[in-house]
PDB file of N, CA and C in Angstrom:
ATOM      1  N   MET A   1     112.527  28.038  37.586  1.00  0.00           N
ATOM      2  CA  MET A   1     111.402  27.143  37.387  1.00  0.00           C
ATOM      3  C   MET A   1     111.416  26.531  35.992  1.00  0.00           C
ATOM      4  N   ASP A   2     111.777  27.341  34.976  1.00  0.00           N
ATOM      5  CA  ASP A   2     111.853  26.806  33.615  1.00  0.00           C
ATOM      6  C   ASP A   2     112.834  25.647  33.541  1.00  0.00           C
ATOM      7  N   LYS A   3     113.962  25.766  34.246  1.00  0.00           N
ATOM      8  CA  LYS A   3     114.963  24.699  34.244  1.00  0.00           C
ATOM      9  C   LYS A   3     114.393  23.432  34.889  1.00  0.00           C
ATOM     10  N   LEU A   4     113.618  23.600  35.954  1.00  0.00           N
ATOM     11  CA  LEU A   4     112.992  22.451  36.605  1.00  0.00           C
ATOM     12  C   LEU A   4     112.016  21.769  35.649  1.00  0.00           C
ATOM     13  N   ILE A   5     111.182  22.545  34.985  1.00  0.00           N
ATOM     14  CA  ILE A   5     110.224  21.969  34.037  1.00  0.00           C
ATOM     15  C   ILE A   5     110.951  21.267  32.898  1.00  0.00           C
ATOM     16  N   GLN A   6     111.985  21.894  32.355  1.00  0.00           N
ATOM     17  CA  GLN A   6     112.756  21.277  31.263  1.00  0.00           C
ATOM     18  C   GLN A   6     113.382  19.966  31.705  1.00  0.00           C
ATOM     19  N   THR A   7     113.912  19.934  32.915  1.00  0.00           N
ATOM     20  CA  THR A   7     114.543  18.716  33.434  1.00  0.00           C
ATOM     21  C   THR A   7     113.500  17.620  33.633  1.00  0.00           C
ATOM     22  N   ILE A   8     112.338  17.979  34.151  1.00  0.00           N
ATOM     23  CA  ILE A   8     111.245  17.007  34.341  1.00  0.00           C
ATOM     24  C   ILE A   8     110.795  16.452  32.993  1.00  0.00           C
ATOM     25  N   VAL A   9     110.574  17.326  32.013  1.00  0.00           N
ATOM     26  CA  VAL A   9     110.134  16.882  30.685  1.00  0.00           C
ATOM     27  C   VAL A   9     111.178  15.963  30.068  1.00  0.00           C
ATOM     28  N   SER A  10     112.449  16.319  30.201  1.00  0.00           N
ATOM     29  CA  SER A  10     113.530  15.481  29.668  1.00  0.00           C
ATOM     30  C   SER A  10     113.523  14.096  30.316  1.00  0.00           C
ATOM     31  N   ALA A  11     113.310  14.049  31.630  1.00  0.00           N
ATOM     32  CA  ALA A  11     113.260  12.756  32.334  1.00  0.00           C
ATOM     33  C   ALA A  11     112.078  11.920  31.866  1.00  0.00           C
ATOM     34  N   ILE A  12     110.943  12.571  31.630  1.00  0.00           N
ATOM     35  CA  ILE A  12     109.763  11.851  31.121  1.00  0.00           C
ATOM     36  C   ILE A  12     110.056  11.291  29.739  1.00  0.00           C
ATOM     37  N   GLU A  13     110.665  12.107  28.879  1.00  0.00           N
ATOM     38  CA  GLU A  13     111.007  11.648  27.526  1.00  0.00           C
ATOM     39  C   GLU A  13     111.991  10.483  27.570  1.00  0.00           C
ATOM     40  N   ASP A  14     112.939  10.527  28.506  1.00  0.00           N
ATOM     41  CA  ASP A  14     113.915   9.440  28.658  1.00  0.00           C
ATOM     42  C   ASP A  14     113.234   8.103  28.913  1.00  0.00           C
ATOM     43  N   LYS A  15     112.109   8.139  29.622  1.00  0.00           N
ATOM     44  CA  LYS A  15     111.377   6.908  29.976  1.00  0.00           C
ATOM     45  C   LYS A  15     110.173   6.670  29.064  1.00  0.00           C
ATOM     46  N   LYS A  16     110.127   7.395  27.946  1.00  0.00           N
ATOM     47  CA  LYS A  16     109.091   7.208  26.923  1.00  0.00           C
ATOM     48  C   LYS A  16     107.683   7.527  27.407  1.00  0.00           C
ATOM     49  N   GLY A  17     107.561   8.523  28.292  1.00  0.00           N
ATOM     50  CA  GLY A  17     106.243   9.002  28.693  1.00  0.00           C
ATOM     51  C   GLY A  17     105.543   9.637  27.496  1.00  0.00           C
ATOM     52  N   LYS A  18     104.244   9.608  27.504  1.00  0.00           N
ATOM     53  CA  LYS A  18     103.450  10.082  26.360  1.00  0.00           C
ATOM     54  C   LYS A  18     102.652  11.330  26.710  1.00  0.00           C
ATOM     55  N   ASN A  19     102.308  12.079  25.654  1.00  0.00           N
ATOM     56  CA  ASN A  19     101.384  13.217  25.769  1.00  0.00           C
ATOM     57  C   ASN A  19     101.787  14.180  26.885  1.00  0.00           C
ATOM     58  N   ILE A  20     103.017  14.632  26.835  1.00  0.00           N
ATOM     59  CA  ILE A  20     103.545  15.510  27.879  1.00  0.00           C
ATOM     60  C   ILE A  20     103.010  16.928  27.663  1.00  0.00           C
ATOM     61  N   VAL A  21     102.470  17.493  28.733  1.00  0.00           N
ATOM     62  CA  VAL A  21     101.963  18.868  28.678  1.00  0.00           C
ATOM     63  C   VAL A  21     102.282  19.552  29.999  1.00  0.00           C
ATOM     64  N   SER A  22     102.629  20.837  29.933  1.00  0.00           N
ATOM     65  CA  SER A  22     102.752  21.612  31.165  1.00  0.00           C
ATOM     66  C   SER A  22     101.676  22.695  31.147  1.00  0.00           C
ATOM     67  N   LEU A  23     101.096  22.925  32.302  1.00  0.00           N
ATOM     68  CA  LEU A  23     100.060  23.945  32.462  1.00  0.00           C
ATOM     69  C   LEU A  23     100.584  25.026  33.398  1.00  0.00           C
ATOM     70  N   ASP A  24     100.476  26.271  32.963  1.00  0.00           N
ATOM     71  CA  ASP A  24     100.897  27.405  33.770  1.00  0.00           C
ATOM     72  C   ASP A  24      99.703  27.873  34.602  1.00  0.00           C
ATOM     73  N   LEU A  25      99.759  27.633  35.895  1.00  0.00           N
ATOM     74  CA  LEU A  25      98.639  27.954  36.783  1.00  0.00           C
ATOM     75  C   LEU A  25      98.854  29.255  37.548  1.00  0.00           C
ATOM     76  N   THR A  26      99.924  29.976  37.218  1.00  0.00           N
ATOM     77  CA  THR A  26     100.139  31.252  37.900  1.00  0.00           C
ATOM     78  C   THR A  26      98.971  32.171  37.560  1.00  0.00           C
ATOM     79  N   GLY A  27      98.518  32.890  38.533  1.00  0.00           N
ATOM     80  CA  GLY A  27      97.390  33.790  38.315  1.00  0.00           C
ATOM     81  C   GLY A  27      96.026  33.143  38.505  1.00  0.00           C
ATOM     82  N   PHE A  28      95.986  31.852  38.791  1.00  0.00           N
ATOM     83  CA  PHE A  28      94.714  31.173  39.040  1.00  0.00           C
ATOM     84  C   PHE A  28      94.483  31.095  40.540  1.00  0.00           C
ATOM     85  N   GLU A  29      93.441  31.755  40.998  1.00  0.00           N
ATOM     86  CA  GLU A  29      93.118  31.728  42.416  1.00  0.00           C
ATOM     87  C   GLU A  29      92.767  30.304  42.827  1.00  0.00           C
ATOM     88  N   GLY A  30      93.329  29.880  43.923  1.00  0.00           N
ATOM     89  CA  GLY A  30      93.043  28.547  44.430  1.00  0.00           C
ATOM     90  C   GLY A  30      93.960  27.459  43.898  1.00  0.00           C
ATOM     91  N   ALA A  31      94.843  27.785  42.965  1.00  0.00           N
ATOM     92  CA  ALA A  31      95.783  26.781  42.450  1.00  0.00           C
ATOM     93  C   ALA A  31      96.797  26.441  43.547  1.00  0.00           C
ATOM     94  N   ILE A  32      97.077  25.168  43.709  1.00  0.00           N
ATOM     95  CA  ILE A  32      97.981  24.734  44.774  1.00  0.00           C
ATOM     96  C   ILE A  32      99.453  24.836  44.389  1.00  0.00           C
ATOM     97  N   THR A  33      99.717  25.131  43.135  1.00  0.00           N
ATOM     98  CA  THR A  33     101.081  25.204  42.624  1.00  0.00           C
ATOM     99  C   THR A  33     101.084  26.157  41.438  1.00  0.00           C
ATOM    100  N   SER A  34     102.261  26.494  40.939  1.00  0.00           N
ATOM    101  CA  SER A  34     102.286  27.404  39.786  1.00  0.00           C
ATOM    102  C   SER A  34     102.304  26.655  38.454  1.00  0.00           C
ATOM    103  N   HIS A  35     102.719  25.392  38.450  1.00  0.00           N
ATOM    104  CA  HIS A  35     102.743  24.615  37.203  1.00  0.00           C
ATOM    105  C   HIS A  35     102.409  23.152  37.467  1.00  0.00           C
ATOM    106  N   PHE A  36     101.682  22.569  36.548  1.00  0.00           N
ATOM    107  CA  PHE A  36     101.503  21.118  36.483  1.00  0.00           C
ATOM    108  C   PHE A  36     102.263  20.627  35.259  1.00  0.00           C
ATOM    109  N   VAL A  37     102.902  19.480  35.385  1.00  0.00           N
ATOM    110  CA  VAL A  37     103.400  18.747  34.224  1.00  0.00           C
ATOM    111  C   VAL A  37     102.661  17.424  34.249  1.00  0.00           C
ATOM    112  N   ILE A  38     102.042  17.070  33.122  1.00  0.00           N
ATOM    113  CA  ILE A  38     101.190  15.881  33.059  1.00  0.00           C
ATOM    114  C   ILE A  38     101.680  14.985  31.922  1.00  0.00           C
ATOM    115  N   CYS A  39     101.671  13.685  32.175  1.00  0.00           N
ATOM    116  CA  CYS A  39     101.992  12.725  31.114  1.00  0.00           C
ATOM    117  C   CYS A  39     101.289  11.418  31.440  1.00  0.00           C
ATOM    118  N   ASN A  40     101.388  10.464  30.527  1.00  0.00           N
ATOM    119  CA  ASN A  40     100.829   9.143  30.793  1.00  0.00           C
ATOM    120  C   ASN A  40     101.727   8.060  30.217  1.00  0.00           C
ATOM    121  N   ALA A  41     101.475   6.841  30.688  1.00  0.00           N
ATOM    122  CA  ALA A  41     102.209   5.658  30.243  1.00  0.00           C
ATOM    123  C   ALA A  41     101.231   4.495  30.245  1.00  0.00           C
ATOM    124  N   ASP A  42     101.556   3.455  29.490  1.00  0.00           N
ATOM    125  CA  ASP A  42     100.612   2.360  29.285  1.00  0.00           C
ATOM    126  C   ASP A  42     100.607   1.290  30.375  1.00  0.00           C
ATOM    127  N   SER A  43     101.585   1.319  31.283  1.00  0.00           N
ATOM    128  CA  SER A  43     101.617   0.296  32.338  1.00  0.00           C
ATOM    129  C   SER A  43     102.015   0.930  33.664  1.00  0.00           C
ATOM    130  N   THR A  44     101.636   0.279  34.751  1.00  0.00           N
ATOM    131  CA  THR A  44     102.032   0.780  36.064  1.00  0.00           C
ATOM    132  C   THR A  44     103.541   0.718  36.237  1.00  0.00           C
ATOM    133  N   THR A  45     104.178  -0.272  35.634  1.00  0.00           N
ATOM    134  CA  THR A  45     105.638  -0.383  35.696  1.00  0.00           C
ATOM    135  C   THR A  45     106.292   0.849  35.077  1.00  0.00           C
ATOM    136  N   GLN A  46     105.762   1.278  33.932  1.00  0.00           N
ATOM    137  CA  GLN A  46     106.321   2.457  33.266  1.00  0.00           C
ATOM    138  C   GLN A  46     106.002   3.734  34.044  1.00  0.00           C
ATOM    139  N   VAL A  47     104.807   3.834  34.616  1.00  0.00           N
ATOM    140  CA  VAL A  47     104.459   4.992  35.449  1.00  0.00           C
ATOM    141  C   VAL A  47     105.470   5.121  36.591  1.00  0.00           C
ATOM    142  N   ALA A  48     105.743   4.019  37.262  1.00  0.00           N
ATOM    143  CA  ALA A  48     106.706   4.027  38.371  1.00  0.00           C
ATOM    144  C   ALA A  48     108.113   4.382  37.883  1.00  0.00           C
ATOM    145  N   ALA A  49     108.498   3.852  36.727  1.00  0.00           N
ATOM    146  CA  ALA A  49     109.827   4.146  36.172  1.00  0.00           C
ATOM    147  C   ALA A  49     109.968   5.626  35.825  1.00  0.00           C
ATOM    148  N   ILE A  50     108.916   6.234  35.301  1.00  0.00           N
ATOM    149  CA  ILE A  50     108.954   7.665  34.983  1.00  0.00           C
ATOM    150  C   ILE A  50     109.123   8.473  36.269  1.00  0.00           C
ATOM    151  N   ALA A  51     108.371   8.145  37.305  1.00  0.00           N
ATOM    152  CA  ALA A  51     108.487   8.857  38.583  1.00  0.00           C
ATOM    153  C   ALA A  51     109.901   8.743  39.137  1.00  0.00           C
ATOM    154  N   ASP A  52     110.451   7.532  39.108  1.00  0.00           N
ATOM    155  CA  ASP A  52     111.820   7.325  39.596  1.00  0.00           C
ATOM    156  C   ASP A  52     112.822   8.111  38.757  1.00  0.00           C
ATOM    157  N   GLY A  53     112.606   8.105  37.438  1.00  0.00           N
ATOM    158  CA  GLY A  53     113.506   8.820  36.532  1.00  0.00           C
ATOM    159  C   GLY A  53     113.492  10.322  36.777  1.00  0.00           C
ATOM    160  N   ILE A  54     112.316  10.872  37.038  1.00  0.00           N
ATOM    161  CA  ILE A  54     112.205  12.308  37.343  1.00  0.00           C
ATOM    162  C   ILE A  54     112.962  12.619  38.624  1.00  0.00           C
ATOM    163  N   GLU A  55     112.712  11.833  39.651  1.00  0.00           N
ATOM    164  CA  GLU A  55     113.362  12.070  40.940  1.00  0.00           C
ATOM    165  C   GLU A  55     114.887  12.025  40.807  1.00  0.00           C
ATOM    166  N   GLU A  56     115.395  11.024  40.083  1.00  0.00           N
ATOM    167  CA  GLU A  56     116.838  10.869  39.903  1.00  0.00           C
ATOM    168  C   GLU A  56     117.439  12.022  39.090  1.00  0.00           C
ATOM    169  N   LYS A  57     116.809  12.360  37.967  1.00  0.00           N
ATOM    170  CA  LYS A  57     117.372  13.376  37.072  1.00  0.00           C
ATOM    171  C   LYS A  57     117.339  14.766  37.703  1.00  0.00           C
ATOM    172  N   VAL A  58     116.250  15.114  38.376  1.00  0.00           N
ATOM    173  CA  VAL A  58     116.163  16.433  39.020  1.00  0.00           C
ATOM    174  C   VAL A  58     117.189  16.536  40.151  1.00  0.00           C
ATOM    175  N   LEU A  59     117.361  15.471  40.915  1.00  0.00           N
ATOM    176  CA  LEU A  59     118.360  15.476  41.983  1.00  0.00           C
ATOM    177  C   LEU A  59     119.765  15.610  41.396  1.00  0.00           C
ATOM    178  N   GLU A  60     120.049  14.837  40.356  1.00  0.00           N
ATOM    179  CA  GLU A  60     121.373  14.842  39.727  1.00  0.00           C
ATOM    180  C   GLU A  60     121.693  16.191  39.080  1.00  0.00           C
ATOM    181  N   GLU A  61     120.743  16.752  38.332  1.00  0.00           N
ATOM    182  CA  GLU A  61     121.023  17.967  37.568  1.00  0.00           C
ATOM    183  C   GLU A  61     120.797  19.261  38.343  1.00  0.00           C
ATOM    184  N   LEU A  62     119.824  19.256  39.264  1.00  0.00           N
ATOM    185  CA  LEU A  62     119.461  20.497  39.956  1.00  0.00           C
ATOM    186  C   LEU A  62     119.652  20.429  41.472  1.00  0.00           C
ATOM    187  N   GLY A  63     119.932  19.235  41.975  1.00  0.00           N
ATOM    188  CA  GLY A  63     120.135  19.087  43.409  1.00  0.00           C
ATOM    189  C   GLY A  63     118.860  19.226  44.229  1.00  0.00           C
ATOM    190  N   GLN A  64     117.699  19.058  43.590  1.00  0.00           N
ATOM    191  CA  GLN A  64     116.416  19.198  44.287  1.00  0.00           C
ATOM    192  C   GLN A  64     115.775  17.841  44.523  1.00  0.00           C
ATOM    193  N   LYS A  65     115.233  17.688  45.716  1.00  0.00           N
ATOM    194  CA  LYS A  65     114.440  16.503  46.034  1.00  0.00           C
ATOM    195  C   LYS A  65     112.980  16.902  46.041  1.00  0.00           C
ATOM    196  N   PRO A  66     112.089  15.976  45.680  1.00  0.00           N
ATOM    197  CA  PRO A  66     110.661  16.307  45.762  1.00  0.00           C
ATOM    198  C   PRO A  66     110.242  16.510  47.209  1.00  0.00           C
ATOM    199  N   TRP A  67     109.277  17.415  47.393  1.00  0.00           N
ATOM    200  CA  TRP A  67     108.735  17.646  48.721  1.00  0.00           C
ATOM    201  C   TRP A  67     107.918  16.426  49.146  1.00  0.00           C
ATOM    202  N   ARG A  68     107.230  15.835  48.173  1.00  0.00           N
ATOM    203  CA  ARG A  68     106.358  14.699  48.463  1.00  0.00           C
ATOM    204  C   ARG A  68     106.099  13.911  47.181  1.00  0.00           C
ATOM    205  N   ILE A  69     105.910  12.602  47.327  1.00  0.00           N
ATOM    206  CA  ILE A  69     105.508  11.740  46.206  1.00  0.00           C
ATOM    207  C   ILE A  69     104.330  10.908  46.686  1.00  0.00           C
ATOM    208  N   GLU A  70     103.255  10.919  45.904  1.00  0.00           N
ATOM    209  CA  GLU A  70     102.053  10.152  46.264  1.00  0.00           C
ATOM    210  C   GLU A  70     101.708   9.183  45.137  1.00  0.00           C
ATOM    211  N   GLY A  71     101.164   8.033  45.499  1.00  0.00           N
ATOM    212  CA  GLY A  71     100.639   7.101  44.519  1.00  0.00           C
ATOM    213  C   GLY A  71     101.566   5.973  44.114  1.00  0.00           C
ATOM    214  N   GLN A  72     102.734   5.890  44.735  1.00  0.00           N
ATOM    215  CA  GLN A  72     103.689   4.860  44.329  1.00  0.00           C
ATOM    216  C   GLN A  72     103.214   3.446  44.639  1.00  0.00           C
ATOM    217  N   GLN A  73     102.332   3.295  45.615  1.00  0.00           N
ATOM    218  CA  GLN A  73     101.902   1.954  45.996  1.00  0.00           C
ATOM    219  C   GLN A  73     101.144   1.242  44.881  1.00  0.00           C
ATOM    220  N   ASN A  74     100.307   1.973  44.111  1.00  0.00           N
ATOM    221  CA  ASN A  74      99.600   1.292  43.019  1.00  0.00           C
ATOM    222  C   ASN A  74     100.048   1.757  41.643  1.00  0.00           C
ATOM    223  N   ALA A  75     100.716   2.895  41.559  1.00  0.00           N
ATOM    224  CA  ALA A  75     101.297   3.420  40.317  1.00  0.00           C
ATOM    225  C   ALA A  75     100.279   3.604  39.190  1.00  0.00           C
ATOM    226  N   LEU A  76      99.019   3.851  39.547  1.00  0.00           N
ATOM    227  CA  LEU A  76      98.028   4.205  38.533  1.00  0.00           C
ATOM    228  C   LEU A  76      98.091   5.705  38.246  1.00  0.00           C
ATOM    229  N   TRP A  77      98.437   6.471  39.279  1.00  0.00           N
ATOM    230  CA  TRP A  77      98.582   7.917  39.178  1.00  0.00           C
ATOM    231  C   TRP A  77      99.586   8.322  40.244  1.00  0.00           C
ATOM    232  N   ILE A  78     100.759   8.740  39.832  1.00  0.00           N
ATOM    233  CA  ILE A  78     101.776   9.187  40.781  1.00  0.00           C
ATOM    234  C   ILE A  78     101.920  10.700  40.645  1.00  0.00           C
ATOM    235  N   ALA A  79     101.891  11.377  41.774  1.00  0.00           N
ATOM    236  CA  ALA A  79     102.133  12.821  41.808  1.00  0.00           C
ATOM    237  C   ALA A  79     103.478  13.062  42.477  1.00  0.00           C
ATOM    238  N   VAL A  80     104.353  13.792  41.781  1.00  0.00           N
ATOM    239  CA  VAL A  80     105.660  14.154  42.318  1.00  0.00           C
ATOM    240  C   VAL A  80     105.617  15.664  42.546  1.00  0.00           C
ATOM    241  N   ASP A  81     105.708  16.074  43.795  1.00  0.00           N
ATOM    242  CA  ASP A  81     105.488  17.467  44.184  1.00  0.00           C
ATOM    243  C   ASP A  81     106.815  18.169  44.474  1.00  0.00           C
ATOM    244  N   TYR A  82     107.138  19.145  43.623  1.00  0.00           N
ATOM    245  CA  TYR A  82     108.306  20.000  43.834  1.00  0.00           C
ATOM    246  C   TYR A  82     107.868  21.393  44.301  1.00  0.00           C
ATOM    247  N   VAL A  83     106.740  21.500  44.939  1.00  0.00           N
ATOM    248  CA  VAL A  83     106.122  22.714  45.481  1.00  0.00           C
ATOM    249  C   VAL A  83     105.649  23.641  44.361  1.00  0.00           C
ATOM    250  N   ASP A  84     106.571  24.244  43.590  1.00  0.00           N
ATOM    251  CA  ASP A  84     106.170  25.137  42.493  1.00  0.00           C
ATOM    252  C   ASP A  84     105.726  24.371  41.251  1.00  0.00           C
ATOM    253  N   VAL A  85     106.161  23.132  41.138  1.00  0.00           N
ATOM    254  CA  VAL A  85     105.797  22.277  39.997  1.00  0.00           C
ATOM    255  C   VAL A  85     105.337  20.932  40.559  1.00  0.00           C
ATOM    256  N   VAL A  86     104.143  20.515  40.155  1.00  0.00           N
ATOM    257  CA  VAL A  86     103.649  19.189  40.535  1.00  0.00           C
ATOM    258  C   VAL A  86     103.513  18.364  39.261  1.00  0.00           C
ATOM    259  N   VAL A  87     104.148  17.197  39.253  1.00  0.00           N
ATOM    260  CA  VAL A  87     104.123  16.309  38.101  1.00  0.00           C
ATOM    261  C   VAL A  87     103.075  15.234  38.348  1.00  0.00           C
ATOM    262  N   HIS A  88     102.206  15.037  37.351  1.00  0.00           N
ATOM    263  CA  HIS A  88     101.177  13.987  37.413  1.00  0.00           C
ATOM    264  C   HIS A  88     101.498  12.960  36.340  1.00  0.00           C
ATOM    265  N   ILE A  89     101.778  11.738  36.765  1.00  0.00           N
ATOM    266  CA  ILE A  89     102.093  10.649  35.838  1.00  0.00           C
ATOM    267  C   ILE A  89     100.957   9.644  35.955  1.00  0.00           C
ATOM    268  N   PHE A  90     100.197   9.528  34.886  1.00  0.00           N
ATOM    269  CA  PHE A  90      99.011   8.671  34.896  1.00  0.00           C
ATOM    270  C   PHE A  90      99.234   7.403  34.086  1.00  0.00           C
ATOM    271  N   GLN A  91      98.600   6.309  34.504  1.00  0.00           N
ATOM    272  CA  GLN A  91      98.396   5.212  33.584  1.00  0.00           C
ATOM    273  C   GLN A  91      97.359   5.738  32.586  1.00  0.00           C
ATOM    274  N   THR A  92      97.491   5.393  31.324  1.00  0.00           N
ATOM    275  CA  THR A  92      96.707   6.000  30.250  1.00  0.00           C
ATOM    276  C   THR A  92      95.208   6.046  30.544  1.00  0.00           C
ATOM    277  N   GLU A  93      94.630   4.952  31.016  1.00  0.00           N
ATOM    278  CA  GLU A  93      93.194   4.916  31.279  1.00  0.00           C
ATOM    279  C   GLU A  93      92.807   5.895  32.387  1.00  0.00           C
ATOM    280  N   MET A  94      93.664   6.043  33.386  1.00  0.00           N
ATOM    281  CA  MET A  94      93.381   6.958  34.494  1.00  0.00           C
ATOM    282  C   MET A  94      93.408   8.408  34.019  1.00  0.00           C
ATOM    283  N   ARG A  95      94.323   8.724  33.122  1.00  0.00           N
ATOM    284  CA  ARG A  95      94.385  10.092  32.608  1.00  0.00           C
ATOM    285  C   ARG A  95      93.107  10.420  31.841  1.00  0.00           C
ATOM    286  N   SER A  96      92.638   9.476  31.044  1.00  0.00           N
ATOM    287  CA  SER A  96      91.399   9.684  30.296  1.00  0.00           C
ATOM    288  C   SER A  96      90.214   9.854  31.241  1.00  0.00           C
ATOM    289  N   TYR A  97      90.237   9.140  32.349  1.00  0.00           N
ATOM    290  CA  TYR A  97      89.132   9.192  33.310  1.00  0.00           C
ATOM    291  C   TYR A  97      89.109  10.517  34.073  1.00  0.00           C
ATOM    292  N   TYR A  98      90.261  10.948  34.577  1.00  0.00           N
ATOM    293  CA  TYR A  98      90.301  12.145  35.426  1.00  0.00           C
ATOM    294  C   TYR A  98      90.332  13.456  34.646  1.00  0.00           C
ATOM    295  N   LYS A  99      90.830  13.433  33.425  1.00  0.00           N
ATOM    296  CA  LYS A  99      90.803  14.621  32.546  1.00  0.00           C
ATOM    297  C   LYS A  99      91.302  15.875  33.260  1.00  0.00           C
ATOM    298  N   LEU A 100      92.464  15.780  33.866  1.00  0.00           N
ATOM    299  CA  LEU A 100      93.012  16.880  34.644  1.00  0.00           C
ATOM    300  C   LEU A 100      93.168  18.160  33.823  1.00  0.00           C
ATOM    301  N   GLU A 101      93.580  18.028  32.573  1.00  0.00           N
ATOM    302  CA  GLU A 101      93.744  19.221  31.727  1.00  0.00           C
ATOM    303  C   GLU A 101      92.425  19.965  31.541  1.00  0.00           C
ATOM    304  N   GLU A 102      91.324  19.238  31.487  1.00  0.00           N
ATOM    305  CA  GLU A 102      90.029  19.887  31.296  1.00  0.00           C
ATOM    306  C   GLU A 102      89.615  20.712  32.512  1.00  0.00           C
ATOM    307  N   LEU A 103      90.060  20.296  33.700  1.00  0.00           N
ATOM    308  CA  LEU A 103      89.763  21.062  34.903  1.00  0.00           C
ATOM    309  C   LEU A 103      90.460  22.421  34.872  1.00  0.00           C
ATOM    310  N   TRP A 104      91.595  22.486  34.184  1.00  0.00           N
ATOM    311  CA  TRP A 104      92.388  23.716  34.076  1.00  0.00           C
ATOM    312  C   TRP A 104      92.452  24.154  32.609  1.00  0.00           C
ATOM    313  N   ALA A 105      91.338  24.060  31.916  1.00  0.00           N
ATOM    314  CA  ALA A 105      91.312  24.321  30.471  1.00  0.00           C
ATOM    315  C   ALA A 105      91.708  25.750  30.109  1.00  0.00           C
ATOM    316  N   ASP A 106      91.541  26.692  31.013  1.00  0.00           N
ATOM    317  CA  ASP A 106      91.902  28.085  30.741  1.00  0.00           C
ATOM    318  C   ASP A 106      93.384  28.368  30.943  1.00  0.00           C
ATOM    319  N   ALA A 107      94.107  27.428  31.501  1.00  0.00           N
ATOM    320  CA  ALA A 107      95.531  27.637  31.769  1.00  0.00           C
ATOM    321  C   ALA A 107      96.342  27.546  30.475  1.00  0.00           C
ATOM    322  N   PRO A 108      97.329  28.439  30.318  1.00  0.00           N
ATOM    323  CA  PRO A 108      98.220  28.316  29.160  1.00  0.00           C
ATOM    324  C   PRO A 108      98.928  26.953  29.194  1.00  0.00           C
ATOM    325  N   ALA A 109      98.908  26.250  28.076  1.00  0.00           N
ATOM    326  CA  ALA A 109      99.479  24.900  28.006  1.00  0.00           C
ATOM    327  C   ALA A 109     100.624  24.858  27.012  1.00  0.00           C
ATOM    328  N   THR A 110     101.648  24.083  27.356  1.00  0.00           N
ATOM    329  CA  THR A 110     102.749  23.799  26.435  1.00  0.00           C
ATOM    330  C   THR A 110     102.775  22.299  26.227  1.00  0.00           C
ATOM    331  N   ARG A 111     102.644  21.865  24.980  1.00  0.00           N
ATOM    332  CA  ARG A 111     102.681  20.430  24.674  1.00  0.00           C
ATOM    333  C   ARG A 111     104.060  20.088  24.146  1.00  0.00           C
ATOM    334  N   TYR A 112     104.605  18.990  24.639  1.00  0.00           N
ATOM    335  CA  TYR A 112     105.975  18.606  24.302  1.00  0.00           C
ATOM    336  C   TYR A 112     106.059  17.492  23.293  1.00  0.00           C
ATOM    337  N   GLU A 113     104.956  16.765  23.080  1.00  0.00           N
ATOM    338  CA  GLU A 113     104.927  15.747  22.049  1.00  0.00           C
ATOM    339  C   GLU A 113     103.476  15.409  21.742  1.00  0.00           C
ATOM    340  N   TYR A 114     103.265  14.714  20.653  1.00  0.00           N
ATOM    341  CA  TYR A 114     101.884  14.516  20.183  1.00  0.00           C
ATOM    342  C   TYR A 114     101.536  13.058  19.954  1.00  0.00           C
ATOM    343  N   GLU A 115     102.057  12.173  20.768  1.00  0.00           N
ATOM    344  CA  GLU A 115     101.745  10.746  20.610  1.00  0.00           C
ATOM    345  C   GLU A 115     100.415  10.445  21.254  1.00  0.00           C
ATOM    346  N   GLU A 116      99.781   9.411  20.767  1.00  0.00           N
ATOM    347  CA  GLU A 116      98.540   8.934  21.407  1.00  0.00           C
ATOM    348  C   GLU A 116      98.832   7.684  22.184  1.00  0.00           C
TER     349      GLU A 116
END
């Protein structure tokens, strides 16, 4: 799982995703996955490019395909689901609105960069 998260974070960084954080949800009753990786980008074009980049890099390096991808039609918020890890790629305004990290504020978080 660590390798999957590292590969996802690397793919996000390749496409200049911002404010990358992973949340460890193991041990949380009702959590649909064991980890979230969250980031944002300033345009829908970049959100879509990050999602595509994650899918390509994880397939190339780990041979894994996502179980499901949601949100590609409008690219305001794309979720890439690898079952144990779900990646949330937000357009910046949407991330501020939904505040996903605040919903899981008790989860151990790893921040990968500190851009605004």
